[in-house]
Amino acid sequence: MFPSTLGGGVVGRALNRGIWSYDVINIRDFAHDNYGSVDDEQFGGGAGQVMRADVLGDVLDSIKKRGKIIYFSPRGPTLNQKMVREFAAAPDSTYTLLCGRYEGIDQRIIDEYDIMELSIGDYILSGGEIAAQVFVDSVVRVMDNVLGGGADATLNESFEIGGLEWPLYTRPSVWRGRKVPEVLLSGHHGNIERWRKQQSDEITKERRPDLIKEK
């Protein structure tokens, strides 16, 4: 499952250049039986298996440099661009990303290792691996020397500008009778900036009014 999509594009190139790196640990390698079992039935009953504390504890204890441990869970705060920037800028940006399966993990692991629970959205995935890839991609792309265009390369994107991005256009200037707005062809940078700001405000108000309240 790794590097999967993280091996391509700008994040993959950054991986090849050594800007970031990763190690993968197979939790089943730490199973206590010959079947590779890492889960068991819930105490108290209920549907779904739970990943065992003793197995996960052995996994985490085996990691020499764990850094902050993050467990992807719908109970955590939702990852946003502000948090992404903070993760990328941390003095020691080493993270252990715990990818759960089944119904979840034993609560004692979360308590024992002071694990941060983090959500990537209000929906359920079959495992934390995709969430981990989302986390890594979002954090790595804002690190220095990853994107072309220097430090300002990500500053005019949705959420970075305090709302949603304005409409984007490129050649040809007319396509199937649809024209690029004249202001973008005018060369008047002041008018272009005002148009973009207006478009961003209108789209944000219509589609994500919650972002306006946070500004």
N, C-alpha and C. Protein backbone atom coordinates (compact mmCIF):
# COMPACT_ATOMS: atom_id res chain seq x y z
N MET A 1 0.81 -1.22 0.00
CA MET A 1 0.00 0.00 0.00
C MET A 1 0.84 1.27 0.00
N PHE A 2 2.13 1.15 0.28
CA PHE A 2 3.01 2.31 0.31
C PHE A 2 4.23 2.05 -0.58
N PRO A 3 4.74 3.05 -1.33
CA PRO A 3 4.29 4.43 -1.27
C PRO A 3 3.00 4.71 -2.04
N SER A 4 2.55 3.79 -2.89
CA SER A 4 1.31 3.99 -3.66
C SER A 4 1.34 5.36 -4.34
N THR A 5 0.31 6.17 -4.17
CA THR A 5 0.26 7.47 -4.84
C THR A 5 1.36 8.41 -4.37
N LEU A 6 1.92 8.14 -3.20
CA LEU A 6 2.98 8.99 -2.67
C LEU A 6 4.28 8.83 -3.47
N GLY A 7 4.35 7.81 -4.31
CA GLY A 7 5.54 7.60 -5.12
C GLY A 7 5.52 8.37 -6.43
N GLY A 8 4.44 9.08 -6.71
CA GLY A 8 4.31 9.82 -7.96
C GLY A 8 4.21 11.32 -7.72
N GLY A 9 4.29 12.09 -8.81
CA GLY A 9 4.10 13.53 -8.73
C GLY A 9 5.16 14.23 -7.90
N VAL A 10 4.81 15.42 -7.40
CA VAL A 10 5.78 16.23 -6.66
C VAL A 10 6.19 15.57 -5.35
N VAL A 11 5.26 14.86 -4.72
CA VAL A 11 5.59 14.19 -3.45
C VAL A 11 6.55 13.03 -3.70
N GLY A 12 6.35 12.30 -4.80
CA GLY A 12 7.25 11.22 -5.15
C GLY A 12 8.64 11.73 -5.50
N ARG A 13 8.69 12.85 -6.21
CA ARG A 13 10.00 13.42 -6.53
C ARG A 13 10.72 13.89 -5.27
N ALA A 14 9.94 14.44 -4.32
CA ALA A 14 10.54 14.86 -3.05
C ALA A 14 11.05 13.65 -2.27
N LEU A 15 10.36 12.54 -2.38
CA LEU A 15 10.80 11.30 -1.74
C LEU A 15 12.14 10.84 -2.34
N ASN A 16 12.21 10.87 -3.66
CA ASN A 16 13.44 10.45 -4.34
C ASN A 16 14.61 11.37 -4.04
N ARG A 17 14.31 12.64 -3.76
CA ARG A 17 15.36 13.62 -3.46
C ARG A 17 15.74 13.62 -1.98
N GLY A 18 15.07 12.83 -1.18
CA GLY A 18 15.39 12.74 0.23
C GLY A 18 14.83 13.85 1.09
N ILE A 19 13.87 14.62 0.56
CA ILE A 19 13.25 15.69 1.36
C ILE A 19 12.41 15.08 2.47
N TRP A 20 11.80 13.94 2.20
CA TRP A 20 11.08 13.21 3.23
C TRP A 20 11.35 11.72 3.04
N SER A 21 11.09 10.94 4.04
CA SER A 21 11.30 9.50 3.95
C SER A 21 10.27 8.79 4.82
N TYR A 22 10.16 7.50 4.65
CA TYR A 22 9.21 6.74 5.46
C TYR A 22 9.70 5.31 5.64
N ASP A 23 9.23 4.68 6.69
CA ASP A 23 9.43 3.25 6.94
C ASP A 23 8.05 2.64 7.17
N VAL A 24 7.87 1.42 6.72
CA VAL A 24 6.60 0.72 6.91
C VAL A 24 6.81 -0.47 7.83
N ILE A 25 5.94 -0.62 8.80
CA ILE A 25 5.98 -1.76 9.71
C ILE A 25 4.68 -2.55 9.54
N ASN A 26 4.81 -3.83 9.28
CA ASN A 26 3.65 -4.71 9.15
C ASN A 26 3.26 -5.18 10.54
N ILE A 27 2.10 -4.77 11.00
CA ILE A 27 1.65 -5.10 12.35
C ILE A 27 1.55 -6.61 12.56
N ARG A 28 1.22 -7.34 11.51
CA ARG A 28 1.09 -8.80 11.65
C ARG A 28 2.43 -9.46 12.01
N ASP A 29 3.52 -8.80 11.72
CA ASP A 29 4.82 -9.37 12.09
C ASP A 29 4.99 -9.47 13.61
N PHE A 30 4.13 -8.80 14.36
CA PHE A 30 4.23 -8.79 15.81
C PHE A 30 3.12 -9.62 16.46
N ALA A 31 2.42 -10.39 15.66
CA ALA A 31 1.36 -11.25 16.21
C ALA A 31 1.95 -12.26 17.18
N HIS A 32 1.14 -12.70 18.13
CA HIS A 32 1.59 -13.62 19.16
C HIS A 32 1.24 -15.07 18.86
N ASP A 33 0.71 -15.33 17.68
CA ASP A 33 0.39 -16.71 17.31
C ASP A 33 0.87 -16.96 15.89
N ASN A 34 0.70 -18.18 15.44
CA ASN A 34 1.16 -18.58 14.11
C ASN A 34 0.19 -18.15 13.01
N TYR A 35 -0.94 -17.58 13.39
CA TYR A 35 -1.95 -17.19 12.41
C TYR A 35 -1.85 -15.71 12.03
N GLY A 36 -0.97 -14.99 12.67
CA GLY A 36 -0.84 -13.56 12.39
C GLY A 36 -2.00 -12.75 12.92
N SER A 37 -2.61 -13.18 14.03
CA SER A 37 -3.78 -12.50 14.58
C SER A 37 -3.37 -11.20 15.27
N VAL A 38 -4.04 -10.13 14.92
CA VAL A 38 -3.78 -8.84 15.56
C VAL A 38 -5.04 -8.25 16.18
N ASP A 39 -6.16 -8.98 16.12
CA ASP A 39 -7.43 -8.46 16.60
C ASP A 39 -8.16 -9.53 17.39
N ASP A 40 -9.19 -9.09 18.12
CA ASP A 40 -10.00 -10.03 18.89
C ASP A 40 -11.37 -9.40 19.12
N GLU A 41 -12.28 -10.21 19.71
CA GLU A 41 -13.63 -9.74 19.97
C GLU A 41 -13.63 -8.65 21.04
N GLN A 42 -14.64 -7.79 20.97
CA GLN A 42 -14.77 -6.71 21.94
C GLN A 42 -15.20 -7.23 23.31
N PHE A 43 -14.60 -6.71 24.38
CA PHE A 43 -15.17 -6.91 25.70
C PHE A 43 -16.48 -6.15 25.77
N GLY A 44 -17.51 -6.78 26.32
CA GLY A 44 -18.82 -6.16 26.42
C GLY A 44 -19.72 -6.48 25.25
N GLY A 45 -19.17 -7.20 24.27
CA GLY A 45 -19.97 -7.59 23.11
C GLY A 45 -20.07 -6.50 22.07
N GLY A 46 -20.62 -6.83 20.95
CA GLY A 46 -20.78 -5.88 19.86
C GLY A 46 -20.14 -6.37 18.59
N ALA A 47 -20.60 -5.81 17.47
CA ALA A 47 -20.09 -6.23 16.17
C ALA A 47 -18.71 -5.64 15.91
N GLY A 48 -17.89 -6.40 15.21
CA GLY A 48 -16.59 -5.88 14.80
C GLY A 48 -15.47 -6.24 15.76
N GLN A 49 -14.32 -6.56 15.18
CA GLN A 49 -13.13 -6.91 15.95
C GLN A 49 -12.34 -5.65 16.33
N VAL A 50 -11.52 -5.77 17.36
CA VAL A 50 -10.71 -4.65 17.84
C VAL A 50 -9.24 -5.08 17.81
N MET A 51 -8.37 -4.18 17.35
CA MET A 51 -6.94 -4.48 17.32
C MET A 51 -6.39 -4.51 18.74
N ARG A 52 -5.58 -5.53 19.03
CA ARG A 52 -5.15 -5.83 20.39
C ARG A 52 -4.09 -4.86 20.91
N ALA A 53 -4.20 -4.55 22.22
CA ALA A 53 -3.25 -3.65 22.85
C ALA A 53 -1.86 -4.26 22.95
N ASP A 54 -1.78 -5.57 23.25
CA ASP A 54 -0.46 -6.18 23.43
C ASP A 54 0.33 -6.22 22.13
N VAL A 55 -0.37 -6.47 21.02
CA VAL A 55 0.30 -6.50 19.72
C VAL A 55 0.74 -5.10 19.32
N LEU A 56 -0.16 -4.14 19.40
CA LEU A 56 0.19 -2.77 19.01
C LEU A 56 1.25 -2.18 19.92
N GLY A 57 1.24 -2.54 21.20
CA GLY A 57 2.26 -2.07 22.12
C GLY A 57 3.64 -2.56 21.72
N ASP A 58 3.72 -3.81 21.31
CA ASP A 58 5.01 -4.35 20.84
C ASP A 58 5.48 -3.63 19.58
N VAL A 59 4.53 -3.31 18.70
CA VAL A 59 4.88 -2.58 17.47
C VAL A 59 5.48 -1.22 17.82
N LEU A 60 4.79 -0.47 18.64
CA LEU A 60 5.24 0.89 18.97
C LEU A 60 6.54 0.87 19.76
N ASP A 61 6.71 -0.11 20.63
CA ASP A 61 7.94 -0.20 21.41
C ASP A 61 9.14 -0.52 20.52
N SER A 62 8.91 -1.10 19.36
CA SER A 62 10.01 -1.47 18.46
C SER A 62 10.55 -0.28 17.67
N ILE A 63 9.83 0.84 17.69
CA ILE A 63 10.22 2.00 16.90
C ILE A 63 11.14 2.88 17.73
N LYS A 64 12.37 3.07 17.27
CA LYS A 64 13.36 3.82 18.04
C LYS A 64 13.04 5.32 18.08
N LYS A 65 12.58 5.86 16.98
CA LYS A 65 12.27 7.29 16.93
C LYS A 65 10.82 7.44 16.48
N ARG A 66 9.92 7.47 17.46
CA ARG A 66 8.49 7.46 17.14
C ARG A 66 7.96 8.84 16.80
N GLY A 67 8.48 9.89 17.45
CA GLY A 67 7.89 11.21 17.28
C GLY A 67 6.45 11.20 17.78
N LYS A 68 5.63 12.10 17.25
CA LYS A 68 4.22 12.14 17.61
C LYS A 68 3.50 10.97 16.94
N ILE A 69 2.71 10.24 17.72
CA ILE A 69 1.95 9.12 17.16
C ILE A 69 0.55 9.61 16.81
N ILE A 70 0.15 9.36 15.58
CA ILE A 70 -1.17 9.79 15.09
C ILE A 70 -1.96 8.56 14.68
N TYR A 71 -3.15 8.45 15.21
CA TYR A 71 -4.07 7.36 14.86
C TYR A 71 -5.26 7.96 14.12
N PHE A 72 -5.52 7.48 12.92
CA PHE A 72 -6.60 8.04 12.10
C PHE A 72 -7.94 7.47 12.55
N SER A 73 -8.79 8.38 13.02
CA SER A 73 -10.04 7.99 13.68
C SER A 73 -11.08 9.07 13.47
N PRO A 74 -12.36 8.70 13.30
CA PRO A 74 -13.41 9.71 13.16
C PRO A 74 -13.64 10.49 14.45
N ARG A 75 -13.05 10.06 15.55
CA ARG A 75 -13.23 10.78 16.82
C ARG A 75 -12.31 11.97 16.95
N GLY A 76 -11.30 12.08 16.08
CA GLY A 76 -10.34 13.16 16.22
C GLY A 76 -10.77 14.43 15.52
N PRO A 77 -10.04 15.53 15.72
CA PRO A 77 -10.32 16.76 14.98
C PRO A 77 -10.06 16.53 13.50
N THR A 78 -10.77 17.27 12.67
CA THR A 78 -10.62 17.09 11.22
C THR A 78 -9.40 17.86 10.71
N LEU A 79 -8.57 17.16 9.98
CA LEU A 79 -7.37 17.77 9.41
C LEU A 79 -7.74 18.94 8.52
N ASN A 80 -7.07 20.08 8.72
CA ASN A 80 -7.30 21.23 7.86
C ASN A 80 -5.95 21.84 7.46
N GLN A 81 -5.98 22.86 6.63
CA GLN A 81 -4.73 23.39 6.08
C GLN A 81 -3.86 24.04 7.16
N LYS A 82 -4.49 24.65 8.15
CA LYS A 82 -3.72 25.24 9.25
C LYS A 82 -2.94 24.17 9.99
N MET A 83 -3.59 23.04 10.25
CA MET A 83 -2.92 21.93 10.92
C MET A 83 -1.82 21.35 10.04
N VAL A 84 -2.08 21.26 8.73
CA VAL A 84 -1.08 20.75 7.80
C VAL A 84 0.20 21.59 7.90
N ARG A 85 0.04 22.90 7.89
CA ARG A 85 1.19 23.80 8.01
C ARG A 85 1.94 23.57 9.32
N GLU A 86 1.19 23.37 10.38
CA GLU A 86 1.82 23.16 11.69
C GLU A 86 2.58 21.84 11.74
N PHE A 87 2.01 20.80 11.16
CA PHE A 87 2.70 19.51 11.11
C PHE A 87 4.00 19.63 10.30
N ALA A 88 3.93 20.34 9.19
CA ALA A 88 5.11 20.47 8.32
C ALA A 88 6.19 21.31 8.96
N ALA A 89 5.81 22.29 9.77
CA ALA A 89 6.77 23.23 10.35
C ALA A 89 7.30 22.79 11.70
N ALA A 90 6.81 21.69 12.23
CA ALA A 90 7.26 21.23 13.55
C ALA A 90 8.77 21.03 13.56
N PRO A 91 9.45 21.44 14.64
CA PRO A 91 10.91 21.31 14.71
C PRO A 91 11.39 19.89 14.45
N ASP A 92 10.70 18.91 15.02
CA ASP A 92 11.03 17.51 14.77
C ASP A 92 9.84 16.86 14.10
N SER A 93 9.78 16.97 12.78
CA SER A 93 8.60 16.49 12.06
C SER A 93 8.72 14.99 11.74
N THR A 94 8.89 14.20 12.82
CA THR A 94 8.84 12.74 12.71
C THR A 94 7.50 12.29 13.28
N TYR A 95 6.78 11.52 12.51
CA TYR A 95 5.46 11.07 12.95
C TYR A 95 5.34 9.56 12.76
N THR A 96 4.68 8.94 13.69
CA THR A 96 4.29 7.53 13.54
C THR A 96 2.81 7.51 13.24
N LEU A 97 2.45 7.02 12.08
CA LEU A 97 1.06 7.00 11.63
C LEU A 97 0.49 5.60 11.83
N LEU A 98 -0.42 5.48 12.77
CA LEU A 98 -1.00 4.19 13.11
C LEU A 98 -2.27 3.99 12.29
N CYS A 99 -2.24 3.02 11.41
CA CYS A 99 -3.36 2.75 10.50
C CYS A 99 -4.21 1.63 11.06
N GLY A 100 -5.37 1.97 11.59
CA GLY A 100 -6.25 0.98 12.18
C GLY A 100 -7.00 0.17 11.13
N ARG A 101 -7.53 -0.92 11.57
CA ARG A 101 -8.40 -1.77 10.76
C ARG A 101 -9.52 -2.29 11.64
N TYR A 102 -10.44 -3.01 11.04
CA TYR A 102 -11.56 -3.59 11.77
C TYR A 102 -12.40 -2.49 12.42
N GLU A 103 -12.83 -2.69 13.67
CA GLU A 103 -13.66 -1.68 14.34
C GLU A 103 -12.83 -0.55 14.93
N GLY A 104 -11.55 -0.81 15.16
CA GLY A 104 -10.68 0.21 15.74
C GLY A 104 -9.60 -0.44 16.58
N ILE A 105 -8.97 0.36 17.47
CA ILE A 105 -7.90 -0.16 18.30
C ILE A 105 -8.28 -0.06 19.77
N ASP A 106 -7.63 -0.87 20.59
CA ASP A 106 -7.87 -0.89 22.03
C ASP A 106 -7.56 0.49 22.62
N GLN A 107 -8.49 1.03 23.40
CA GLN A 107 -8.34 2.37 23.97
C GLN A 107 -7.08 2.50 24.82
N ARG A 108 -6.64 1.41 25.43
CA ARG A 108 -5.47 1.48 26.30
C ARG A 108 -4.20 1.87 25.55
N ILE A 109 -4.14 1.55 24.27
CA ILE A 109 -3.00 1.97 23.45
C ILE A 109 -3.00 3.49 23.30
N ILE A 110 -4.16 4.05 23.04
CA ILE A 110 -4.29 5.51 22.90
C ILE A 110 -3.87 6.21 24.19
N ASP A 111 -4.30 5.65 25.32
CA ASP A 111 -3.99 6.25 26.62
C ASP A 111 -2.52 6.07 26.99
N GLU A 112 -1.98 4.90 26.76
CA GLU A 112 -0.61 4.58 27.15
C GLU A 112 0.42 5.42 26.42
N TYR A 113 0.19 5.65 25.13
CA TYR A 113 1.19 6.34 24.31
C TYR A 113 0.80 7.78 23.97
N ASP A 114 -0.24 8.28 24.64
CA ASP A 114 -0.68 9.66 24.40
C ASP A 114 -0.84 9.92 22.91
N ILE A 115 -1.59 9.08 22.26
CA ILE A 115 -1.75 9.12 20.81
C ILE A 115 -2.75 10.20 20.42
N MET A 116 -2.43 10.94 19.37
CA MET A 116 -3.34 11.94 18.82
C MET A 116 -4.28 11.27 17.82
N GLU A 117 -5.57 11.41 18.03
CA GLU A 117 -6.55 10.92 17.06
C GLU A 117 -6.81 12.02 16.04
N LEU A 118 -6.88 11.65 14.77
CA LEU A 118 -7.02 12.63 13.70
C LEU A 118 -7.95 12.08 12.62
N SER A 119 -8.90 12.92 12.19
CA SER A 119 -9.84 12.54 11.15
C SER A 119 -9.52 13.28 9.86
N ILE A 120 -9.81 12.65 8.73
CA ILE A 120 -9.67 13.36 7.45
C ILE A 120 -11.04 13.69 6.85
N GLY A 121 -12.13 13.43 7.58
CA GLY A 121 -13.45 13.78 7.08
C GLY A 121 -14.54 12.96 7.73
N ASP A 122 -15.76 13.38 7.54
CA ASP A 122 -16.90 12.75 8.19
C ASP A 122 -17.42 11.58 7.37
N TYR A 123 -16.62 10.53 7.29
CA TYR A 123 -16.99 9.31 6.61
C TYR A 123 -16.07 8.21 7.13
N ILE A 124 -16.39 6.95 6.84
CA ILE A 124 -15.64 5.83 7.36
C ILE A 124 -14.91 5.12 6.22
N LEU A 125 -13.63 4.83 6.45
CA LEU A 125 -12.84 4.05 5.50
C LEU A 125 -12.62 2.65 6.06
N SER A 126 -12.21 1.73 5.21
CA SER A 126 -11.98 0.35 5.66
C SER A 126 -10.66 0.23 6.41
N GLY A 127 -9.80 1.24 6.32
CA GLY A 127 -8.54 1.21 7.05
C GLY A 127 -7.89 2.57 7.02
N GLY A 128 -6.85 2.73 7.83
CA GLY A 128 -6.20 4.02 7.95
C GLY A 128 -5.13 4.30 6.92
N GLU A 129 -4.86 3.35 6.01
CA GLU A 129 -3.77 3.55 5.06
C GLU A 129 -4.03 4.71 4.10
N ILE A 130 -5.24 4.81 3.59
CA ILE A 130 -5.56 5.92 2.69
C ILE A 130 -5.50 7.24 3.45
N ALA A 131 -5.98 7.25 4.67
CA ALA A 131 -5.90 8.46 5.49
C ALA A 131 -4.45 8.87 5.72
N ALA A 132 -3.57 7.89 5.93
CA ALA A 132 -2.15 8.18 6.12
C ALA A 132 -1.56 8.80 4.86
N GLN A 133 -1.96 8.31 3.69
CA GLN A 133 -1.47 8.87 2.44
C GLN A 133 -1.96 10.31 2.26
N VAL A 134 -3.20 10.57 2.63
CA VAL A 134 -3.73 11.94 2.57
C VAL A 134 -2.91 12.85 3.48
N PHE A 135 -2.63 12.39 4.69
CA PHE A 135 -1.86 13.17 5.64
C PHE A 135 -0.47 13.48 5.08
N VAL A 136 0.23 12.47 4.60
CA VAL A 136 1.59 12.66 4.11
C VAL A 136 1.61 13.58 2.90
N ASP A 137 0.70 13.37 1.95
CA ASP A 137 0.68 14.20 0.75
C ASP A 137 0.44 15.66 1.11
N SER A 138 -0.52 15.92 1.99
CA SER A 138 -0.85 17.30 2.33
C SER A 138 0.28 17.99 3.07
N VAL A 139 0.99 17.25 3.93
CA VAL A 139 2.07 17.83 4.71
C VAL A 139 3.33 18.02 3.86
N VAL A 140 3.69 17.01 3.09
CA VAL A 140 4.93 17.09 2.31
C VAL A 140 4.87 18.20 1.27
N ARG A 141 3.72 18.40 0.64
CA ARG A 141 3.65 19.36 -0.47
C ARG A 141 3.86 20.81 -0.02
N VAL A 142 3.70 21.09 1.28
CA VAL A 142 3.93 22.45 1.75
C VAL A 142 5.32 22.61 2.36
N MET A 143 6.12 21.54 2.34
CA MET A 143 7.48 21.64 2.83
C MET A 143 8.35 22.40 1.83
N ASP A 144 9.42 22.98 2.32
CA ASP A 144 10.32 23.76 1.47
C ASP A 144 10.90 22.89 0.35
N ASN A 145 11.01 23.49 -0.83
CA ASN A 145 11.67 22.87 -1.99
C ASN A 145 10.93 21.68 -2.58
N VAL A 146 9.64 21.54 -2.25
CA VAL A 146 8.86 20.44 -2.83
C VAL A 146 8.15 20.90 -4.10
N LEU A 147 7.42 22.00 -4.03
CA LEU A 147 6.73 22.53 -5.21
C LEU A 147 7.60 23.57 -5.91
N GLY A 148 7.48 23.64 -7.22
CA GLY A 148 8.14 24.70 -7.96
C GLY A 148 7.48 26.03 -7.66
N GLY A 149 8.21 27.12 -7.86
CA GLY A 149 7.64 28.44 -7.61
C GLY A 149 8.02 29.02 -6.27
N GLY A 150 8.84 28.28 -5.49
CA GLY A 150 9.32 28.84 -4.23
C GLY A 150 8.29 28.78 -3.12
N ALA A 151 8.54 29.57 -2.09
CA ALA A 151 7.72 29.52 -0.87
C ALA A 151 6.28 29.96 -1.10
N ASP A 152 6.02 30.74 -2.17
CA ASP A 152 4.67 31.26 -2.41
C ASP A 152 3.81 30.33 -3.25
N ALA A 153 4.35 29.17 -3.62
CA ALA A 153 3.67 28.30 -4.58
C ALA A 153 2.31 27.82 -4.07
N THR A 154 2.15 27.66 -2.76
CA THR A 154 0.89 27.12 -2.22
C THR A 154 0.01 28.19 -1.58
N LEU A 155 0.43 29.44 -1.60
CA LEU A 155 -0.27 30.46 -0.82
C LEU A 155 -1.56 30.95 -1.46
N ASN A 156 -1.76 30.73 -2.75
CA ASN A 156 -2.97 31.20 -3.42
C ASN A 156 -3.96 30.07 -3.69
N GLU A 157 -3.95 29.06 -2.85
CA GLU A 157 -4.85 27.93 -3.02
C GLU A 157 -6.02 28.02 -2.06
N SER A 158 -7.03 27.19 -2.32
CA SER A 158 -8.16 27.11 -1.40
C SER A 158 -7.65 26.83 0.02
N PHE A 159 -8.32 27.43 1.00
CA PHE A 159 -8.03 27.32 2.43
C PHE A 159 -6.81 28.14 2.84
N GLU A 160 -5.81 28.26 1.97
CA GLU A 160 -4.67 29.12 2.29
C GLU A 160 -5.07 30.59 2.23
N ILE A 161 -6.05 30.92 1.38
CA ILE A 161 -6.46 32.31 1.19
C ILE A 161 -7.64 32.68 2.09
N GLY A 162 -7.99 31.81 3.01
CA GLY A 162 -9.11 32.09 3.91
C GLY A 162 -10.45 31.76 3.30
N GLY A 163 -10.47 31.04 2.21
CA GLY A 163 -11.71 30.65 1.53
C GLY A 163 -11.39 29.72 0.38
N LEU A 164 -12.29 29.66 -0.59
CA LEU A 164 -12.10 28.80 -1.75
C LEU A 164 -11.49 29.58 -2.91
N GLU A 165 -10.75 28.89 -3.73
CA GLU A 165 -10.03 29.54 -4.82
C GLU A 165 -11.00 29.99 -5.92
N TRP A 166 -10.58 31.02 -6.63
CA TRP A 166 -11.35 31.57 -7.75
C TRP A 166 -11.26 30.64 -8.97
N PRO A 167 -12.10 30.84 -10.01
CA PRO A 167 -12.03 30.03 -11.22
C PRO A 167 -10.70 30.24 -11.95
N LEU A 168 -10.21 29.17 -12.56
CA LEU A 168 -8.93 29.20 -13.27
C LEU A 168 -9.16 28.96 -14.76
N TYR A 169 -8.34 29.60 -15.60
CA TYR A 169 -8.46 29.48 -17.06
C TYR A 169 -7.08 29.42 -17.69
N THR A 170 -6.99 28.79 -18.86
CA THR A 170 -5.77 28.79 -19.66
C THR A 170 -6.14 28.75 -21.13
N ARG A 171 -5.18 28.57 -22.02
CA ARG A 171 -5.44 28.53 -23.45
C ARG A 171 -6.27 27.30 -23.82
N PRO A 172 -7.11 27.40 -24.84
CA PRO A 172 -7.37 28.57 -25.70
C PRO A 172 -8.30 29.57 -25.01
N SER A 173 -8.27 30.80 -25.47
CA SER A 173 -9.08 31.84 -24.83
C SER A 173 -10.56 31.68 -25.14
N VAL A 174 -10.88 30.95 -26.21
CA VAL A 174 -12.27 30.62 -26.54
C VAL A 174 -12.33 29.11 -26.78
N TRP A 175 -13.21 28.43 -26.09
CA TRP A 175 -13.36 26.98 -26.24
C TRP A 175 -14.84 26.64 -26.26
N ARG A 176 -15.28 26.07 -27.40
CA ARG A 176 -16.69 25.71 -27.59
C ARG A 176 -17.62 26.88 -27.29
N GLY A 177 -17.20 28.05 -27.71
CA GLY A 177 -17.99 29.25 -27.53
C GLY A 177 -17.89 29.87 -26.15
N ARG A 178 -17.15 29.26 -25.27
CA ARG A 178 -16.98 29.78 -23.91
C ARG A 178 -15.70 30.60 -23.85
N LYS A 179 -15.84 31.86 -23.44
CA LYS A 179 -14.70 32.77 -23.44
C LYS A 179 -14.11 32.94 -22.04
N VAL A 180 -12.83 33.16 -22.01
CA VAL A 180 -12.17 33.51 -20.77
C VAL A 180 -12.62 34.92 -20.38
N PRO A 181 -12.92 35.18 -19.10
CA PRO A 181 -13.32 36.54 -18.70
C PRO A 181 -12.32 37.58 -19.18
N GLU A 182 -12.86 38.66 -19.72
CA GLU A 182 -12.01 39.70 -20.32
C GLU A 182 -11.00 40.27 -19.35
N VAL A 183 -11.36 40.36 -18.09
CA VAL A 183 -10.46 40.96 -17.13
C VAL A 183 -9.14 40.20 -17.04
N LEU A 184 -9.18 38.88 -17.24
CA LEU A 184 -7.97 38.08 -17.15
C LEU A 184 -7.06 38.28 -18.35
N LEU A 185 -7.60 38.84 -19.43
CA LEU A 185 -6.81 39.09 -20.64
C LEU A 185 -6.34 40.53 -20.71
N SER A 186 -6.74 41.33 -19.72
CA SER A 186 -6.50 42.77 -19.80
C SER A 186 -5.06 43.17 -19.46
N GLY A 187 -4.38 42.33 -18.69
CA GLY A 187 -3.04 42.69 -18.24
C GLY A 187 -3.02 43.68 -17.09
N HIS A 188 -4.19 44.08 -16.61
CA HIS A 188 -4.30 45.04 -15.50
C HIS A 188 -4.30 44.24 -14.19
N HIS A 189 -3.17 44.19 -13.52
CA HIS A 189 -3.03 43.31 -12.36
C HIS A 189 -3.95 43.69 -11.20
N GLY A 190 -4.19 44.99 -11.02
CA GLY A 190 -5.08 45.42 -9.95
C GLY A 190 -6.50 44.93 -10.17
N ASN A 191 -7.00 45.06 -11.41
CA ASN A 191 -8.35 44.59 -11.73
C ASN A 191 -8.44 43.07 -11.62
N ILE A 192 -7.39 42.40 -12.04
CA ILE A 192 -7.37 40.93 -11.96
C ILE A 192 -7.46 40.48 -10.50
N GLU A 193 -6.68 41.12 -9.64
CA GLU A 193 -6.69 40.75 -8.22
C GLU A 193 -8.06 40.99 -7.59
N ARG A 194 -8.69 42.13 -7.95
CA ARG A 194 -10.02 42.42 -7.40
C ARG A 194 -11.04 41.41 -7.90
N TRP A 195 -10.94 41.03 -9.18
CA TRP A 195 -11.87 40.03 -9.74
C TRP A 195 -11.70 38.69 -9.03
N ARG A 196 -10.48 38.29 -8.82
CA ARG A 196 -10.23 37.01 -8.14
C ARG A 196 -10.75 37.03 -6.71
N LYS A 197 -10.54 38.13 -6.02
CA LYS A 197 -11.03 38.25 -4.64
C LYS A 197 -12.55 38.18 -4.62
N GLN A 198 -13.21 38.87 -5.53
CA GLN A 198 -14.66 38.85 -5.59
C GLN A 198 -15.19 37.45 -5.88
N GLN A 199 -14.57 36.78 -6.85
CA GLN A 199 -14.99 35.42 -7.19
C GLN A 199 -14.78 34.47 -6.02
N SER A 200 -13.65 34.59 -5.36
CA SER A 200 -13.37 33.74 -4.21
C SER A 200 -14.40 33.95 -3.10
N ASP A 201 -14.73 35.21 -2.82
CA ASP A 201 -15.70 35.51 -1.77
C ASP A 201 -17.08 34.95 -2.11
N GLU A 202 -17.49 35.10 -3.37
CA GLU A 202 -18.82 34.63 -3.77
C GLU A 202 -18.91 33.10 -3.71
N ILE A 203 -17.87 32.42 -4.21
CA ILE A 203 -17.89 30.96 -4.21
C ILE A 203 -17.84 30.42 -2.79
N THR A 204 -17.02 31.05 -1.95
CA THR A 204 -16.92 30.61 -0.56
C THR A 204 -18.25 30.82 0.17
N LYS A 205 -18.88 31.97 -0.05
CA LYS A 205 -20.16 32.26 0.61
C LYS A 205 -21.22 31.25 0.18
N GLU A 206 -21.21 30.85 -1.09
CA GLU A 206 -22.21 29.93 -1.62
C GLU A 206 -21.96 28.49 -1.18
N ARG A 207 -20.70 28.06 -1.20
CA ARG A 207 -20.40 26.65 -1.02
C ARG A 207 -19.86 26.28 0.36
N ARG A 208 -19.12 27.20 0.98
CA ARG A 208 -18.55 26.92 2.30
C ARG A 208 -18.65 28.14 3.20
N PRO A 209 -19.87 28.55 3.55
CA PRO A 209 -20.02 29.73 4.41
C PRO A 209 -19.36 29.58 5.76
N ASP A 210 -19.12 28.35 6.19
CA ASP A 210 -18.45 28.12 7.47
C ASP A 210 -17.03 28.68 7.46
N LEU A 211 -16.41 28.71 6.29
CA LEU A 211 -15.05 29.25 6.21
C LEU A 211 -15.04 30.75 6.43
N ILE A 212 -16.12 31.43 6.03
CA ILE A 212 -16.21 32.87 6.24
C ILE A 212 -16.30 33.18 7.72
N LYS A 213 -17.00 32.36 8.47
CA LYS A 213 -17.13 32.57 9.90
C LYS A 213 -15.80 32.39 10.61
N GLU A 214 -14.93 31.55 10.04
CA GLU A 214 -13.64 31.28 10.68
C GLU A 214 -12.62 32.36 10.38
N LYS A 215 -12.86 33.19 9.33
CA LYS A 215 -11.87 34.18 8.92
C LYS A 215 -11.69 35.27 9.98
